[in-house]
Amino acid sequence: LSCAASGSIFRINFMGWYRQAPGKQRELVANITI
């Protein structure tokens, strides 16, 4: 999976992936710092 951010960004401190299955709440998959 890829995720590209665009716009007026000075710095992205954290980026992460979350997932949500049917009938379940959204949960953290992984994140990463700068």
PDB file of all heavy atoms in Angstrom:
ATOM      1  N   LEU A   1       0.831  -1.186   0.000  1.00  0.00           N
ATOM      2  CA  LEU A   1       0.000   0.000   0.000  1.00  0.00           C
ATOM      3  C   LEU A   1       0.876   1.250   0.000  1.00  0.00           C
ATOM      4  O   LEU A   1       1.940   1.273   0.613  1.00  0.00           O
ATOM      5  CB  LEU A   1      -0.916   0.030   1.221  1.00  0.00           C
ATOM      6  CG  LEU A   1      -1.812  -1.188   1.464  1.00  0.00           C
ATOM      7  CD1 LEU A   1      -2.703  -0.936   2.674  1.00  0.00           C
ATOM      8  CD2 LEU A   1      -2.642  -1.498   0.228  1.00  0.00           C
ATOM      9  N   SER A   2       0.412   2.289  -0.681  1.00  0.00           N
ATOM     10  CA  SER A   2       1.097   3.569  -0.709  1.00  0.00           C
ATOM     11  C   SER A   2       0.129   4.668  -0.318  1.00  0.00           C
ATOM     12  O   SER A   2      -1.069   4.590  -0.594  1.00  0.00           O
ATOM     13  CB  SER A   2       1.663   3.864  -2.107  1.00  0.00           C
ATOM     14  OG  SER A   2       2.598   2.891  -2.501  1.00  0.00           O
ATOM     15  N   CYS A   3       0.652   5.707   0.319  1.00  0.00           N
ATOM     16  CA  CYS A   3      -0.144   6.872   0.684  1.00  0.00           C
ATOM     17  C   CYS A   3       0.689   8.114   0.437  1.00  0.00           C
ATOM     18  O   CYS A   3       1.736   8.293   1.070  1.00  0.00           O
ATOM     19  CB  CYS A   3      -0.573   6.801   2.150  1.00  0.00           C
ATOM     20  SG  CYS A   3      -1.429   8.276   2.736  1.00  0.00           S
ATOM     21  N   ALA A   4       0.225   8.964  -0.458  1.00  0.00           N
ATOM     22  CA  ALA A   4       0.924  10.190  -0.805  1.00  0.00           C
ATOM     23  C   ALA A   4       0.171  11.396  -0.265  1.00  0.00           C
ATOM     24  O   ALA A   4      -1.032  11.532  -0.488  1.00  0.00           O
ATOM     25  CB  ALA A   4       1.083  10.302  -2.320  1.00  0.00           C
ATOM     26  N   ALA A   5       0.881  12.263   0.444  1.00  0.00           N
ATOM     27  CA  ALA A   5       0.307  13.485   0.985  1.00  0.00           C
ATOM     28  C   ALA A   5       0.703  14.671   0.121  1.00  0.00           C
ATOM     29  O   ALA A   5       1.849  14.777  -0.322  1.00  0.00           O
ATOM     30  CB  ALA A   5       0.773  13.711   2.424  1.00  0.00           C
ATOM     31  N   SER A   6      -0.238  15.574  -0.104  1.00  0.00           N
ATOM     32  CA  SER A   6       0.040  16.764  -0.888  1.00  0.00           C
ATOM     33  C   SER A   6      -0.675  17.960  -0.278  1.00  0.00           C
ATOM     34  O   SER A   6      -1.680  17.808   0.414  1.00  0.00           O
ATOM     35  CB  SER A   6      -0.386  16.582  -2.345  1.00  0.00           C
ATOM     36  OG  SER A   6      -1.782  16.360  -2.446  1.00  0.00           O
ATOM     37  N   GLY A   7      -0.149  19.152  -0.548  1.00  0.00           N
ATOM     38  CA  GLY A   7      -0.727  20.374  -0.030  1.00  0.00           C
ATOM     39  C   GLY A   7       0.306  21.233   0.662  1.00  0.00           C
ATOM     40  O   GLY A   7       1.507  21.072   0.459  1.00  0.00           O
ATOM     41  N   SER A   8      -0.171  22.152   1.491  1.00  0.00           N
ATOM     42  CA  SER A   8       0.708  23.087   2.197  1.00  0.00           C
ATOM     43  C   SER A   8       1.260  22.433   3.454  1.00  0.00           C
ATOM     44  O   SER A   8       0.794  22.681   4.567  1.00  0.00           O
ATOM     45  CB  SER A   8      -0.049  24.372   2.531  1.00  0.00           C
ATOM     46  OG  SER A   8      -0.513  25.017   1.359  1.00  0.00           O
ATOM     47  N   ILE A   9       2.265  21.592   3.261  1.00  0.00           N
ATOM     48  CA  ILE A   9       2.859  20.813   4.350  1.00  0.00           C
ATOM     49  C   ILE A   9       4.272  21.300   4.623  1.00  0.00           C
ATOM     50  O   ILE A   9       5.107  21.322   3.721  1.00  0.00           O
ATOM     51  CB  ILE A   9       2.883  19.316   4.012  1.00  0.00           C
ATOM     52  CG1 ILE A   9       1.476  18.810   3.711  1.00  0.00           C
ATOM     53  CG2 ILE A   9       3.505  18.532   5.166  1.00  0.00           C
ATOM     54  CD1 ILE A   9       1.449  17.405   3.157  1.00  0.00           C
ATOM     55  N   PHE A  10       4.542  21.658   5.870  1.00  0.00           N
ATOM     56  CA  PHE A  10       5.887  22.008   6.286  1.00  0.00           C
ATOM     57  C   PHE A  10       6.655  20.755   6.695  1.00  0.00           C
ATOM     58  O   PHE A  10       7.799  20.561   6.288  1.00  0.00           O
ATOM     59  CB  PHE A  10       5.859  23.021   7.430  1.00  0.00           C
ATOM     60  CG  PHE A  10       7.231  23.399   7.924  1.00  0.00           C
ATOM     61  CD1 PHE A  10       8.025  24.272   7.205  1.00  0.00           C
ATOM     62  CD2 PHE A  10       7.732  22.873   9.105  1.00  0.00           C
ATOM     63  CE1 PHE A  10       9.287  24.626   7.651  1.00  0.00           C
ATOM     64  CE2 PHE A  10       8.990  23.219   9.563  1.00  0.00           C
ATOM     65  CZ  PHE A  10       9.771  24.103   8.834  1.00  0.00           C
ATOM     66  N   ARG A  11       6.019  19.908   7.493  1.00  0.00           N
ATOM     67  CA  ARG A  11       6.648  18.685   7.960  1.00  0.00           C
ATOM     68  C   ARG A  11       5.584  17.710   8.470  1.00  0.00           C
ATOM     69  O   ARG A  11       4.684  18.100   9.198  1.00  0.00           O
ATOM     70  CB  ARG A  11       7.647  18.977   9.081  1.00  0.00           C
ATOM     71  CG  ARG A  11       8.445  17.767   9.544  1.00  0.00           C
ATOM     72  CD  ARG A  11       9.359  18.142  10.684  1.00  0.00           C
ATOM     73  NE  ARG A  11       8.602  18.465  11.891  1.00  0.00           N
ATOM     74  CZ  ARG A  11       9.065  19.173  12.907  1.00  0.00           C
ATOM     75  NH1 ARG A  11      10.299  19.671  12.856  1.00  0.00           N
ATOM     76  NH2 ARG A  11       8.304  19.404  13.972  1.00  0.00           N
ATOM     77  N   ILE A  12       5.709  16.462   8.069  1.00  0.00           N
ATOM     78  CA  ILE A  12       4.859  15.404   8.597  1.00  0.00           C
ATOM     79  C   ILE A  12       5.605  14.708   9.727  1.00  0.00           C
ATOM     80  O   ILE A  12       6.653  14.108   9.505  1.00  0.00           O
ATOM     81  CB  ILE A  12       4.477  14.387   7.510  1.00  0.00           C
ATOM     82  CG1 ILE A  12       3.681  15.076   6.401  1.00  0.00           C
ATOM     83  CG2 ILE A  12       3.682  13.236   8.126  1.00  0.00           C
ATOM     84  CD1 ILE A  12       3.301  14.150   5.262  1.00  0.00           C
ATOM     85  N   ASN A  13       5.072  14.801  10.947  1.00  0.00           N
ATOM     86  CA  ASN A  13       5.736  14.227  12.107  1.00  0.00           C
ATOM     87  C   ASN A  13       5.469  12.730  12.239  1.00  0.00           C
ATOM     88  O   ASN A  13       6.375  11.957  12.563  1.00  0.00           O
ATOM     89  CB  ASN A  13       5.297  14.937  13.381  1.00  0.00           C
ATOM     90  CG  ASN A  13       5.772  16.374  13.436  1.00  0.00           C
ATOM     91  OD1 ASN A  13       6.835  16.714  12.922  1.00  0.00           O
ATOM     92  ND2 ASN A  13       4.980  17.238  14.063  1.00  0.00           N
ATOM     93  N   PHE A  14       4.227  12.324  12.007  1.00  0.00           N
ATOM     94  CA  PHE A  14       3.839  10.928  12.115  1.00  0.00           C
ATOM     95  C   PHE A  14       2.996  10.552  10.909  1.00  0.00           C
ATOM     96  O   PHE A  14       2.170  11.326  10.432  1.00  0.00           O
ATOM     97  CB  PHE A  14       3.024  10.663  13.392  1.00  0.00           C
ATOM     98  CG  PHE A  14       3.746  10.953  14.664  1.00  0.00           C
ATOM     99  CD1 PHE A  14       3.678  12.204  15.244  1.00  0.00           C
ATOM    100  CD2 PHE A  14       4.483   9.959  15.294  1.00  0.00           C
ATOM    101  CE1 PHE A  14       4.337  12.478  16.430  1.00  0.00           C
ATOM    102  CE2 PHE A  14       5.147  10.216  16.479  1.00  0.00           C
ATOM    103  CZ  PHE A  14       5.077  11.480  17.051  1.00  0.00           C
ATOM    104  N   MET A  15       3.173   9.333  10.437  1.00  0.00           N
ATOM    105  CA  MET A  15       2.286   8.752   9.442  1.00  0.00           C
ATOM    106  C   MET A  15       1.979   7.327   9.872  1.00  0.00           C
ATOM    107  O   MET A  15       2.824   6.661  10.473  1.00  0.00           O
ATOM    108  CB  MET A  15       2.889   8.762   8.042  1.00  0.00           C
ATOM    109  CG  MET A  15       3.162  10.157   7.500  1.00  0.00           C
ATOM    110  SD  MET A  15       3.629  10.169   5.748  1.00  0.00           S
ATOM    111  CE  MET A  15       2.013   9.960   4.975  1.00  0.00           C
ATOM    112  N   GLY A  16       0.779   6.885   9.571  1.00  0.00           N
ATOM    113  CA  GLY A  16       0.407   5.550   9.983  1.00  0.00           C
ATOM    114  C   GLY A  16      -0.689   4.944   9.136  1.00  0.00           C
ATOM    115  O   GLY A  16      -1.326   5.622   8.326  1.00  0.00           O
ATOM    116  N   TRP A  17      -0.871   3.649   9.342  1.00  0.00           N
ATOM    117  CA  TRP A  17      -1.926   2.892   8.687  1.00  0.00           C
ATOM    118  C   TRP A  17      -2.875   2.326   9.733  1.00  0.00           C
ATOM    119  O   TRP A  17      -2.435   1.780  10.754  1.00  0.00           O
ATOM    120  CB  TRP A  17      -1.364   1.747   7.841  1.00  0.00           C
ATOM    121  CG  TRP A  17      -0.645   2.201   6.619  1.00  0.00           C
ATOM    122  CD1 TRP A  17       0.691   2.394   6.460  1.00  0.00           C
ATOM    123  CD2 TRP A  17      -1.253   2.517   5.360  1.00  0.00           C
ATOM    124  NE1 TRP A  17       0.970   2.816   5.182  1.00  0.00           N
ATOM    125  CE2 TRP A  17      -0.202   2.901   4.484  1.00  0.00           C
ATOM    126  CE3 TRP A  17      -2.559   2.514   4.881  1.00  0.00           C
ATOM    127  CZ2 TRP A  17      -0.440   3.276   3.159  1.00  0.00           C
ATOM    128  CZ3 TRP A  17      -2.794   2.890   3.570  1.00  0.00           C
ATOM    129  CH2 TRP A  17      -1.737   3.263   2.734  1.00  0.00           C
ATOM    130  N   TYR A  18      -4.160   2.453   9.484  1.00  0.00           N
ATOM    131  CA  TYR A  18      -5.207   1.895  10.309  1.00  0.00           C
ATOM    132  C   TYR A  18      -6.118   1.051   9.429  1.00  0.00           C
ATOM    133  O   TYR A  18      -6.107   1.184   8.207  1.00  0.00           O
ATOM    134  CB  TYR A  18      -6.018   2.999  10.992  1.00  0.00           C
ATOM    135  CG  TYR A  18      -5.216   3.836  11.964  1.00  0.00           C
ATOM    136  CD1 TYR A  18      -4.293   4.774  11.509  1.00  0.00           C
ATOM    137  CD2 TYR A  18      -5.383   3.687  13.338  1.00  0.00           C
ATOM    138  CE1 TYR A  18      -3.552   5.539  12.393  1.00  0.00           C
ATOM    139  CE2 TYR A  18      -4.646   4.457  14.229  1.00  0.00           C
ATOM    140  CZ  TYR A  18      -3.737   5.376  13.752  1.00  0.00           C
ATOM    141  OH  TYR A  18      -3.009   6.132  14.639  1.00  0.00           O
ATOM    142  N   ARG A  19      -6.901   0.173  10.038  1.00  0.00           N
ATOM    143  CA  ARG A  19      -7.828  -0.633   9.256  1.00  0.00           C
ATOM    144  C   ARG A  19      -9.133  -0.819  10.011  1.00  0.00           C
ATOM    145  O   ARG A  19      -9.180  -0.761  11.236  1.00  0.00           O
ATOM    146  CB  ARG A  19      -7.215  -1.995   8.902  1.00  0.00           C
ATOM    147  CG  ARG A  19      -6.966  -2.921  10.083  1.00  0.00           C
ATOM    148  CD  ARG A  19      -6.216  -4.169   9.632  1.00  0.00           C
ATOM    149  NE  ARG A  19      -6.001  -5.113  10.720  1.00  0.00           N
ATOM    150  CZ  ARG A  19      -5.285  -6.215  10.618  1.00  0.00           C
ATOM    151  NH1 ARG A  19      -4.706  -6.529   9.460  1.00  0.00           N
ATOM    152  NH2 ARG A  19      -5.142  -7.028  11.664  1.00  0.00           N
ATOM    153  N   GLN A  20     -10.186  -1.041   9.245  1.00  0.00           N
ATOM    154  CA  GLN A  20     -11.501  -1.264   9.821  1.00  0.00           C
ATOM    155  C   GLN A  20     -12.212  -2.361   9.045  1.00  0.00           C
ATOM    156  O   GLN A  20     -12.470  -2.215   7.849  1.00  0.00           O
ATOM    157  CB  GLN A  20     -12.327   0.016   9.810  1.00  0.00           C
ATOM    158  CG  GLN A  20     -13.644  -0.105  10.552  1.00  0.00           C
ATOM    159  CD  GLN A  20     -14.290   1.243  10.816  1.00  0.00           C
ATOM    160  OE1 GLN A  20     -13.971   2.230  10.156  1.00  0.00           O
ATOM    161  NE2 GLN A  20     -15.182   1.292  11.777  1.00  0.00           N
ATOM    162  N   ALA A  21     -12.509  -3.459   9.726  1.00  0.00           N
ATOM    163  CA  ALA A  21     -13.236  -4.571   9.140  1.00  0.00           C
ATOM    164  C   ALA A  21     -14.726  -4.404   9.430  1.00  0.00           C
ATOM    165  O   ALA A  21     -15.107  -3.718  10.385  1.00  0.00           O
ATOM    166  CB  ALA A  21     -12.728  -5.894   9.703  1.00  0.00           C
ATOM    167  N   PRO A  22     -15.592  -5.032   8.630  1.00  0.00           N
ATOM    168  CA  PRO A  22     -17.034  -4.931   8.874  1.00  0.00           C
ATOM    169  C   PRO A  22     -17.406  -5.359  10.287  1.00  0.00           C
ATOM    170  O   PRO A  22     -16.979  -6.409  10.761  1.00  0.00           O
ATOM    171  CB  PRO A  22     -17.632  -5.883   7.839  1.00  0.00           C
ATOM    172  CG  PRO A  22     -16.628  -5.909   6.730  1.00  0.00           C
ATOM    173  CD  PRO A  22     -15.292  -5.823   7.421  1.00  0.00           C
ATOM    174  N   GLY A  23     -18.178  -4.527  10.973  1.00  0.00           N
ATOM    175  CA  GLY A  23     -18.615  -4.832  12.318  1.00  0.00           C
ATOM    176  C   GLY A  23     -17.590  -4.597  13.400  1.00  0.00           C
ATOM    177  O   GLY A  23     -17.857  -4.898  14.568  1.00  0.00           O
ATOM    178  N   LYS A  24     -16.424  -4.071  13.046  1.00  0.00           N
ATOM    179  CA  LYS A  24     -15.375  -3.819  14.019  1.00  0.00           C
ATOM    180  C   LYS A  24     -14.962  -2.350  14.002  1.00  0.00           C
ATOM    181  O   LYS A  24     -15.198  -1.639  13.031  1.00  0.00           O
ATOM    182  CB  LYS A  24     -14.152  -4.696  13.743  1.00  0.00           C
ATOM    183  CG  LYS A  24     -14.394  -6.189  13.874  1.00  0.00           C
ATOM    184  CD  LYS A  24     -13.115  -6.974  13.677  1.00  0.00           C
ATOM    185  CE  LYS A  24     -13.337  -8.463  13.855  1.00  0.00           C
ATOM    186  NZ  LYS A  24     -12.078  -9.234  13.666  1.00  0.00           N
ATOM    187  N   GLN A  25     -14.345  -1.901  15.096  1.00  0.00           N
ATOM    188  CA  GLN A  25     -13.879  -0.531  15.165  1.00  0.00           C
ATOM    189  C   GLN A  25     -12.525  -0.395  14.479  1.00  0.00           C
ATOM    190  O   GLN A  25     -11.797  -1.375  14.302  1.00  0.00           O
ATOM    191  CB  GLN A  25     -13.795  -0.055  16.619  1.00  0.00           C
ATOM    192  CG  GLN A  25     -12.802  -0.810  17.479  1.00  0.00           C
ATOM    193  CD  GLN A  25     -12.849  -0.375  18.931  1.00  0.00           C
ATOM    194  OE1 GLN A  25     -13.924  -0.131  19.474  1.00  0.00           O
ATOM    195  NE2 GLN A  25     -11.693  -0.265  19.561  1.00  0.00           N
ATOM    196  N   ARG A  26     -12.205   0.833  14.093  1.00  0.00           N
ATOM    197  CA  ARG A  26     -10.928   1.086  13.449  1.00  0.00           C
ATOM    198  C   ARG A  26      -9.778   0.821  14.424  1.00  0.00           C
ATOM    199  O   ARG A  26      -9.843   1.199  15.597  1.00  0.00           O
ATOM    200  CB  ARG A  26     -10.878   2.529  12.943  1.00  0.00           C
ATOM    201  CG  ARG A  26      -9.675   2.839  12.078  1.00  0.00           C
ATOM    202  CD  ARG A  26      -9.778   4.233  11.462  1.00  0.00           C
ATOM    203  NE  ARG A  26     -10.959   4.372  10.621  1.00  0.00           N
ATOM    204  CZ  ARG A  26     -11.244   5.459   9.915  1.00  0.00           C
ATOM    205  NH1 ARG A  26     -10.421   6.498   9.929  1.00  0.00           N
ATOM    206  NH2 ARG A  26     -12.355   5.504   9.179  1.00  0.00           N
ATOM    207  N   GLU A  27      -8.725   0.187  13.930  1.00  0.00           N
ATOM    208  CA  GLU A  27      -7.595  -0.165  14.772  1.00  0.00           C
ATOM    209  C   GLU A  27      -6.282   0.209  14.105  1.00  0.00           C
ATOM    210  O   GLU A  27      -6.171   0.252  12.877  1.00  0.00           O
ATOM    211  CB  GLU A  27      -7.602  -1.662  15.094  1.00  0.00           C
ATOM    212  CG  GLU A  27      -7.417  -2.555  13.881  1.00  0.00           C
ATOM    213  CD  GLU A  27      -7.394  -4.035  14.214  1.00  0.00           C
ATOM    214  OE1 GLU A  27      -7.680  -4.390  15.377  1.00  0.00           O
ATOM    215  OE2 GLU A  27      -7.088  -4.852  13.317  1.00  0.00           O
ATOM    216  N   LEU A  28      -5.284   0.463  14.930  1.00  0.00           N
ATOM    217  CA  LEU A  28      -3.945   0.761  14.433  1.00  0.00           C
ATOM    218  C   LEU A  28      -3.328  -0.474  13.809  1.00  0.00           C
ATOM    219  O   LEU A  28      -3.414  -1.571  14.359  1.00  0.00           O
ATOM    220  CB  LEU A  28      -3.063   1.261  15.577  1.00  0.00           C
ATOM    221  CG  LEU A  28      -1.568   1.400  15.254  1.00  0.00           C
ATOM    222  CD1 LEU A  28      -1.329   2.580  14.324  1.00  0.00           C
ATOM    223  CD2 LEU A  28      -0.753   1.569  16.536  1.00  0.00           C
ATOM    224  N   VAL A  29      -2.686  -0.297  12.658  1.00  0.00           N
ATOM    225  CA  VAL A  29      -1.890  -1.345  12.032  1.00  0.00           C
ATOM    226  C   VAL A  29      -0.410  -1.084  12.292  1.00  0.00           C
ATOM    227  O   VAL A  29       0.308  -1.932  12.813  1.00  0.00           O
ATOM    228  CB  VAL A  29      -2.158  -1.432  10.523  1.00  0.00           C
ATOM    229  CG1 VAL A  29      -1.255  -2.485   9.885  1.00  0.00           C
ATOM    230  CG2 VAL A  29      -3.620  -1.749  10.258  1.00  0.00           C
ATOM    231  N   ALA A  30       0.060   0.107  11.921  1.00  0.00           N
ATOM    232  CA  ALA A  30       1.452   0.487  12.116  1.00  0.00           C
ATOM    233  C   ALA A  30       1.588   1.988  11.951  1.00  0.00           C
ATOM    234  O   ALA A  30       0.809   2.608  11.234  1.00  0.00           O
ATOM    235  CB  ALA A  30       2.367  -0.235  11.125  1.00  0.00           C
ATOM    236  N   ASN A  31       2.580   2.584  12.611  1.00  0.00           N
ATOM    237  CA  ASN A  31       2.890   3.983  12.371  1.00  0.00           C
ATOM    238  C   ASN A  31       4.397   4.196  12.416  1.00  0.00           C
ATOM    239  O   ASN A  31       5.153   3.324  12.853  1.00  0.00           O
ATOM    240  CB  ASN A  31       2.149   4.922  13.338  1.00  0.00           C
ATOM    241  CG  ASN A  31       2.396   4.615  14.804  1.00  0.00           C
ATOM    242  OD1 ASN A  31       3.440   4.080  15.177  1.00  0.00           O
ATOM    243  ND2 ASN A  31       1.427   4.972  15.645  1.00  0.00           N
ATOM    244  N   ILE A  32       4.815   5.377  11.959  1.00  0.00           N
ATOM    245  CA  ILE A  32       6.233   5.667  11.830  1.00  0.00           C
ATOM    246  C   ILE A  32       6.468   7.149  12.061  1.00  0.00           C
ATOM    247  O   ILE A  32       5.682   7.997  11.640  1.00  0.00           O
ATOM    248  CB  ILE A  32       6.754   5.218  10.439  1.00  0.00           C
ATOM    249  CG1 ILE A  32       8.274   5.354  10.347  1.00  0.00           C
ATOM    250  CG2 ILE A  32       6.051   5.978   9.324  1.00  0.00           C
ATOM    251  CD1 ILE A  32       8.860   4.666   9.109  1.00  0.00           C
ATOM    252  N   THR A  33       7.563   7.484  12.752  1.00  0.00           N
ATOM    253  CA  THR A  33       7.919   8.870  13.018  1.00  0.00           C
ATOM    254  C   THR A  33       8.809   9.413  11.910  1.00  0.00           C
ATOM    255  O   THR A  33       9.276   8.675  11.039  1.00  0.00           O
ATOM    256  CB  THR A  33       8.642   9.005  14.360  1.00  0.00           C
ATOM    257  OG1 THR A  33       9.956   8.424  14.249  1.00  0.00           O
ATOM    258  CG2 THR A  33       7.884   8.312  15.479  1.00  0.00           C
ATOM    259  N   ILE A  34       9.073  10.718  11.964  1.00  0.00           N
ATOM    260  CA  ILE A  34       9.927  11.337  10.962  1.00  0.00           C
ATOM    261  C   ILE A  34      11.340  10.767  11.014  1.00  0.00           C
ATOM    262  O   ILE A  34      12.041  10.728   9.999  1.00  0.00           O
ATOM    263  CB  ILE A  34       9.954  12.872  11.142  1.00  0.00           C
ATOM    264  CG1 ILE A  34      10.640  13.547   9.952  1.00  0.00           C
ATOM    265  CG2 ILE A  34      10.640  13.253  12.456  1.00  0.00           C
ATOM    266  CD1 ILE A  34      10.514  15.053   9.964  1.00  0.00           C
TER     267      ILE A  34
END
